[in-house]
N, C-alpha and C. Protein backbone atom coordinates (compact mmCIF):
# COMPACT_ATOMS: atom_id res chain seq x y z
N UNK A 1 0.85 -1.17 -0.08
CA UNK A 1 0.10 -0.08 -0.18
C UNK A 1 0.71 1.22 -0.03
N UNK A 2 0.77 2.34 -0.86
CA UNK A 2 1.59 3.40 -0.67
C UNK A 2 2.94 3.23 -1.58
N UNK A 3 3.98 4.05 -1.27
CA UNK A 3 5.21 3.76 -1.82
C UNK A 3 6.12 3.31 -0.65
N UNK A 4 7.21 2.92 -1.36
CA UNK A 4 8.19 2.20 -0.46
C UNK A 4 9.26 3.53 -0.45
N UNK A 5 9.33 3.67 1.13
CA UNK A 5 10.18 4.68 1.57
C UNK A 5 11.90 4.32 1.53
N UNK A 6 12.41 5.02 1.51
CA UNK A 6 14.16 5.00 1.21
C UNK A 6 14.49 5.82 2.17
N UNK A 7 15.50 5.52 3.14
CA UNK A 7 16.52 6.07 3.85
C UNK A 7 17.51 5.53 4.41
N UNK A 8 18.50 6.43 4.75
CA UNK A 8 19.74 5.97 5.11
C UNK A 8 19.94 6.26 6.79
N UNK A 9 20.58 5.25 7.18
CA UNK A 9 20.74 5.26 8.81
C UNK A 9 22.10 5.96 9.29
N UNK A 10 22.54 6.01 10.11
CA UNK A 10 23.82 6.78 10.78
C UNK A 10 24.98 6.08 10.14
N UNK A 11 24.85 4.77 9.71
CA UNK A 11 25.97 3.95 9.34
C UNK A 11 26.19 4.00 7.72
N UNK A 12 25.31 4.73 7.00
CA UNK A 12 25.26 4.59 5.84
C UNK A 12 24.50 3.44 5.09
N UNK A 13 23.80 2.73 5.67
CA UNK A 13 22.74 1.47 5.25
C UNK A 13 21.72 2.12 5.02
N UNK A 14 21.15 1.54 3.54
CA UNK A 14 19.79 1.99 2.93
C UNK A 14 18.80 1.10 3.75
N UNK A 15 17.60 1.63 4.09
CA UNK A 15 16.40 1.11 4.69
C UNK A 15 15.31 1.25 3.71
N UNK A 16 14.64 0.30 3.16
CA UNK A 16 13.44 0.21 2.60
C UNK A 16 12.30 -0.30 3.21
N UNK A 17 11.22 0.71 3.40
CA UNK A 17 10.12 0.10 4.19
C UNK A 17 9.04 0.49 3.30
N UNK A 18 7.75 -0.18 3.93
CA UNK A 18 6.60 0.10 3.33
C UNK A 18 5.59 -1.03 3.83
N UNK A 19 4.43 -0.91 3.45
CA UNK A 19 3.17 -1.87 3.80
C UNK A 19 2.82 -2.74 2.69
N UNK A 20 2.28 -3.86 3.05
CA UNK A 20 1.77 -5.02 2.01
C UNK A 20 0.54 -5.23 2.69
N UNK A 21 -0.73 -5.30 1.74
CA UNK A 21 -2.08 -5.87 2.03
C UNK A 21 -2.12 -7.07 1.28
N UNK A 22 -3.00 -8.02 1.86
CA UNK A 22 -3.23 -9.32 1.35
C UNK A 22 -4.73 -8.84 0.87
N UNK A 23 -4.83 -9.13 -0.61
CA UNK A 23 -5.90 -8.62 -1.24
C UNK A 23 -6.92 -9.77 -1.50
N UNK A 24 -6.35 -10.78 -1.40
CA UNK A 24 -6.95 -12.14 -1.62
C UNK A 24 -8.06 -12.61 -0.51
N UNK A 25 -8.44 -13.95 -0.88
CA UNK A 25 -9.36 -14.50 0.38
C UNK A 25 -9.00 -15.77 0.93
N UNK A 26 -7.72 -15.58 0.81
CA UNK A 26 -6.92 -16.87 1.96
C UNK A 26 -5.66 -16.19 2.72
N UNK A 27 -5.48 -16.88 3.62
CA UNK A 27 -4.19 -16.38 4.45
C UNK A 27 -2.98 -16.62 3.46
N UNK A 28 -2.24 -15.76 3.40
CA UNK A 28 -0.68 -15.61 2.78
C UNK A 28 0.67 -16.04 3.86
N UNK A 29 0.87 -17.15 3.85
CA UNK A 29 1.86 -17.40 4.90
C UNK A 29 3.28 -17.37 4.13
N UNK A 30 4.28 -16.92 5.06
CA UNK A 30 5.64 -16.83 4.84
C UNK A 30 5.91 -15.83 3.62
N UNK A 31 5.06 -14.54 4.13
CA UNK A 31 4.84 -13.71 2.88
C UNK A 31 6.21 -12.86 2.69
N UNK A 32 6.54 -12.58 1.71
CA UNK A 32 8.03 -11.97 1.61
C UNK A 32 8.12 -11.14 0.39
N UNK A 33 9.06 -10.18 0.37
CA UNK A 33 9.28 -9.46 -0.95
C UNK A 33 10.77 -9.76 -1.43
N UNK A 34 10.96 -10.04 -2.61
CA UNK A 34 12.10 -10.27 -3.19
C UNK A 34 12.67 -9.18 -4.05
N UNK A 35 13.70 -8.30 -3.62
CA UNK A 35 14.23 -7.13 -4.27
C UNK A 35 15.26 -7.40 -5.32
N UNK A 36 15.10 -6.97 -6.37
CA UNK A 36 16.32 -7.17 -7.31
C UNK A 36 16.68 -5.75 -7.44
N UNK A 37 18.09 -5.65 -7.38
CA UNK A 37 18.81 -4.41 -7.54
C UNK A 37 19.52 -4.07 -8.83
N UNK A 38 19.46 -3.19 -9.25
CA UNK A 38 20.31 -3.03 -10.49
C UNK A 38 21.32 -2.26 -10.39
N UNK A 39 22.64 -2.92 -10.24
CA UNK A 39 23.59 -2.32 -9.76
C UNK A 39 24.74 -1.48 -10.61
N UNK A 40 24.41 -1.64 -11.98
CA UNK A 40 24.99 -0.69 -13.14
C UNK A 40 24.48 -0.79 -14.32
N UNK A 41 24.63 0.28 -15.33
CA UNK A 41 24.00 0.39 -16.37
C UNK A 41 24.48 -1.06 -17.36
N UNK A 42 25.26 -2.04 -17.14
CA UNK A 42 25.67 -2.83 -17.73
C UNK A 42 24.25 -4.00 -17.30
N UNK A 43 23.89 -3.98 -16.48
CA UNK A 43 22.48 -4.87 -16.54
C UNK A 43 22.98 -5.85 -14.95
N UNK A 44 24.10 -5.60 -14.35
CA UNK A 44 24.36 -6.31 -13.22
C UNK A 44 23.37 -6.27 -11.98
N UNK A 45 23.13 -7.40 -11.65
CA UNK A 45 22.22 -7.46 -10.56
C UNK A 45 22.39 -8.31 -9.14
N UNK A 46 21.83 -7.84 -8.03
CA UNK A 46 21.91 -8.41 -6.71
C UNK A 46 20.49 -8.51 -6.33
N UNK A 47 20.25 -9.60 -5.36
CA UNK A 47 18.72 -9.61 -4.80
C UNK A 47 19.12 -9.65 -3.24
N UNK A 48 17.94 -9.21 -2.59
CA UNK A 48 17.78 -9.36 -0.86
C UNK A 48 16.46 -9.72 -0.93
N UNK A 49 16.09 -10.45 0.04
CA UNK A 49 14.79 -10.75 0.55
C UNK A 49 14.28 -10.33 1.97
N UNK A 50 13.24 -9.84 2.36
CA UNK A 50 12.61 -9.58 3.31
C UNK A 50 11.14 -10.35 3.67
N UNK A 51 11.12 -10.68 4.76
CA UNK A 51 9.72 -11.13 5.17
C UNK A 51 9.07 -9.99 5.79
N UNK A 52 7.40 -9.91 5.42
CA UNK A 52 6.67 -9.13 6.05
C UNK A 52 6.19 -9.41 7.53
N UNK A 53 6.33 -8.29 8.26
CA UNK A 53 5.76 -8.56 9.84
C UNK A 53 4.03 -8.78 9.92
N UNK A 54 4.04 -10.05 10.10
CA UNK A 54 2.44 -10.40 10.07
C UNK A 54 2.09 -11.11 11.34
N UNK A 55 1.18 -11.92 11.22
CA UNK A 55 0.65 -12.72 12.42
C UNK A 55 1.60 -13.99 12.74
N UNK A 56 1.34 -14.44 13.88
CA UNK A 56 2.06 -15.67 14.00
C UNK A 56 1.10 -16.72 14.03
N UNK A 57 1.86 -17.72 13.06
CA UNK A 57 0.73 -18.96 12.89
C UNK A 57 1.49 -20.18 12.97
N UNK A 58 1.07 -21.37 13.88
CA UNK A 58 1.80 -22.33 14.05
C UNK A 58 0.74 -23.60 13.26
N UNK A 59 1.67 -24.12 12.28
CA UNK A 59 1.05 -25.22 11.29
C UNK A 59 0.95 -26.54 11.87
N UNK A 60 0.16 -27.37 11.30
CA UNK A 60 -0.02 -28.67 11.88
C UNK A 60 1.10 -29.46 11.91
N UNK A 61 2.17 -29.30 11.09
CA UNK A 61 3.51 -29.71 11.29
C UNK A 61 4.60 -29.34 12.38
N UNK A 62 4.21 -28.23 13.03
CA UNK A 62 4.58 -27.64 14.06
C UNK A 62 5.74 -26.44 13.51
N UNK A 63 5.66 -26.28 12.33
CA UNK A 63 6.41 -25.03 11.85
C UNK A 63 5.58 -23.80 12.18
N UNK A 64 6.52 -22.97 12.56
CA UNK A 64 5.87 -21.58 12.85
C UNK A 64 6.31 -20.20 11.86
N UNK A 65 5.38 -19.62 11.48
CA UNK A 65 5.51 -18.30 10.78
C UNK A 65 4.88 -17.36 11.36
N UNK A 66 5.91 -16.04 11.40
CA UNK A 66 5.64 -14.71 11.86
C UNK A 66 5.26 -13.98 10.77
N UNK A 67 5.27 -14.59 9.40
CA UNK A 67 5.05 -13.49 8.31
C UNK A 67 3.67 -14.15 7.37
N UNK A 68 2.55 -14.50 8.10
CA UNK A 68 1.18 -14.62 7.61
C UNK A 68 0.24 -13.47 7.78
N UNK A 69 -0.35 -13.41 6.74
CA UNK A 69 -1.30 -12.13 6.68
C UNK A 69 -2.62 -12.71 6.10
N UNK A 70 -3.56 -12.36 7.16
CA UNK A 70 -4.80 -12.90 6.86
C UNK A 70 -5.59 -12.29 5.74
N UNK A 71 -6.67 -12.47 4.93
CA UNK A 71 -7.38 -11.82 4.23
C UNK A 71 -7.61 -10.20 4.55
N UNK A 72 -7.09 -9.29 3.71
CA UNK A 72 -7.77 -7.97 4.08
C UNK A 72 -6.47 -7.38 5.10
N UNK A 73 -5.61 -8.11 5.56
CA UNK A 73 -4.87 -7.80 6.53
C UNK A 73 -3.64 -6.70 5.88
N UNK A 74 -2.78 -5.77 6.66
CA UNK A 74 -1.75 -5.28 6.33
C UNK A 74 -0.77 -5.51 7.07
N UNK A 75 0.52 -5.66 6.62
CA UNK A 75 1.76 -6.28 7.22
C UNK A 75 3.10 -5.04 6.83
N UNK A 76 3.81 -4.71 7.62
CA UNK A 76 4.60 -3.71 7.45
C UNK A 76 6.06 -4.41 7.05
N UNK A 77 6.88 -4.05 6.47
CA UNK A 77 8.34 -4.73 6.04
C UNK A 77 9.47 -3.60 6.14
N UNK A 78 10.70 -3.88 6.44
CA UNK A 78 11.91 -3.19 6.58
C UNK A 78 13.00 -4.23 5.81
N UNK A 79 13.36 -3.58 5.05
CA UNK A 79 14.91 -4.15 4.25
C UNK A 79 16.10 -3.26 4.63
N UNK A 80 16.96 -3.91 5.22
CA UNK A 80 18.10 -3.16 5.44
C UNK A 80 19.27 -3.84 4.28
N UNK A 81 19.67 -2.65 3.55
CA UNK A 81 20.44 -2.77 2.58
C UNK A 81 21.92 -2.35 3.10
N UNK A 82 23.12 -3.15 3.37
CA UNK A 82 24.20 -2.72 4.09
C UNK A 82 24.96 -1.77 3.10
N UNK A 83 25.87 -1.02 3.77
CA UNK A 83 26.45 -0.09 2.96
C UNK A 83 27.54 -0.54 2.02
N UNK A 84 28.03 -1.68 2.42
CA UNK A 84 28.99 -2.73 1.95
C UNK A 84 28.19 -3.54 0.53
N UNK A 85 26.97 -3.33 0.54
CA UNK A 85 26.41 -3.92 -0.50
C UNK A 85 26.72 -3.38 -1.81
N UNK A 86 26.96 -2.10 -1.77
CA UNK A 86 27.17 -1.39 -3.05
C UNK A 86 26.28 -0.32 -3.55
N UNK A 87 26.73 0.74 -4.45
CA UNK A 87 25.48 1.45 -4.81
C UNK A 87 24.78 0.87 -5.87
N UNK A 88 23.49 1.12 -6.09
CA UNK A 88 22.67 0.65 -6.87
C UNK A 88 21.88 1.80 -7.75
N UNK A 89 21.60 1.63 -9.00
CA UNK A 89 20.98 2.59 -9.57
C UNK A 89 19.33 2.53 -9.87
N UNK A 90 18.64 1.51 -9.45
CA UNK A 90 17.17 1.18 -9.00
C UNK A 90 17.01 -0.18 -8.81
N UNK A 91 15.74 -0.36 -8.33
CA UNK A 91 15.38 -1.85 -8.06
C UNK A 91 14.05 -1.95 -8.37
N UNK A 92 13.67 -3.28 -8.36
CA UNK A 92 12.31 -3.77 -8.73
C UNK A 92 11.96 -4.89 -7.70
N UNK A 93 10.73 -5.37 -7.66
CA UNK A 93 10.48 -6.35 -6.36
C UNK A 93 9.47 -7.32 -6.93
N UNK A 94 9.35 -8.38 -6.27
CA UNK A 94 8.17 -9.47 -6.45
C UNK A 94 7.59 -9.63 -5.14
N UNK A 95 6.61 -9.93 -4.96
CA UNK A 95 5.79 -10.39 -3.66
C UNK A 95 5.55 -11.99 -4.03
N UNK A 96 5.89 -12.75 -2.71
CA UNK A 96 5.82 -13.91 -2.77
C UNK A 96 5.33 -14.84 -1.43
N UNK A 97 4.41 -15.84 -1.74
CA UNK A 97 3.76 -16.22 -0.64
C UNK A 97 3.48 -17.76 -0.75
N UNK A 98 3.30 -18.42 0.34
CA UNK A 98 2.87 -19.71 0.32
C UNK A 98 1.53 -20.01 0.94
N UNK A 99 0.96 -20.94 0.99
CA UNK A 99 -0.39 -21.37 1.63
C UNK A 99 -0.20 -22.75 2.25
N UNK A 100 -0.24 -22.79 3.53
CA UNK A 100 -0.19 -23.91 3.98
C UNK A 100 -1.55 -23.99 5.09
N UNK A 101 -1.66 -25.67 5.58
CA UNK A 101 -2.83 -25.67 6.47
C UNK A 101 -2.37 -25.90 7.98
């Protein structure tokens, strides 16, 4: 929902943050955003992934996720890009999730 904000912290790390809304009609488990950073004009890329801060859910298998979003719910995310990651000229992202019982 809205724009992704980009800030620098005191150590020169870049922080990307925002919110994601589950617009589906089922719970989205292990919700994450995979960012692909374009490092230069030659097309070199690097990827980083961040999970959404959602609700905690324990599945029948005993596995626990704190990145589940119920239908209509909004979850926040923060991605810390360390200063030694290198400079980048842009980024794109995809949103990914699973559905478990």
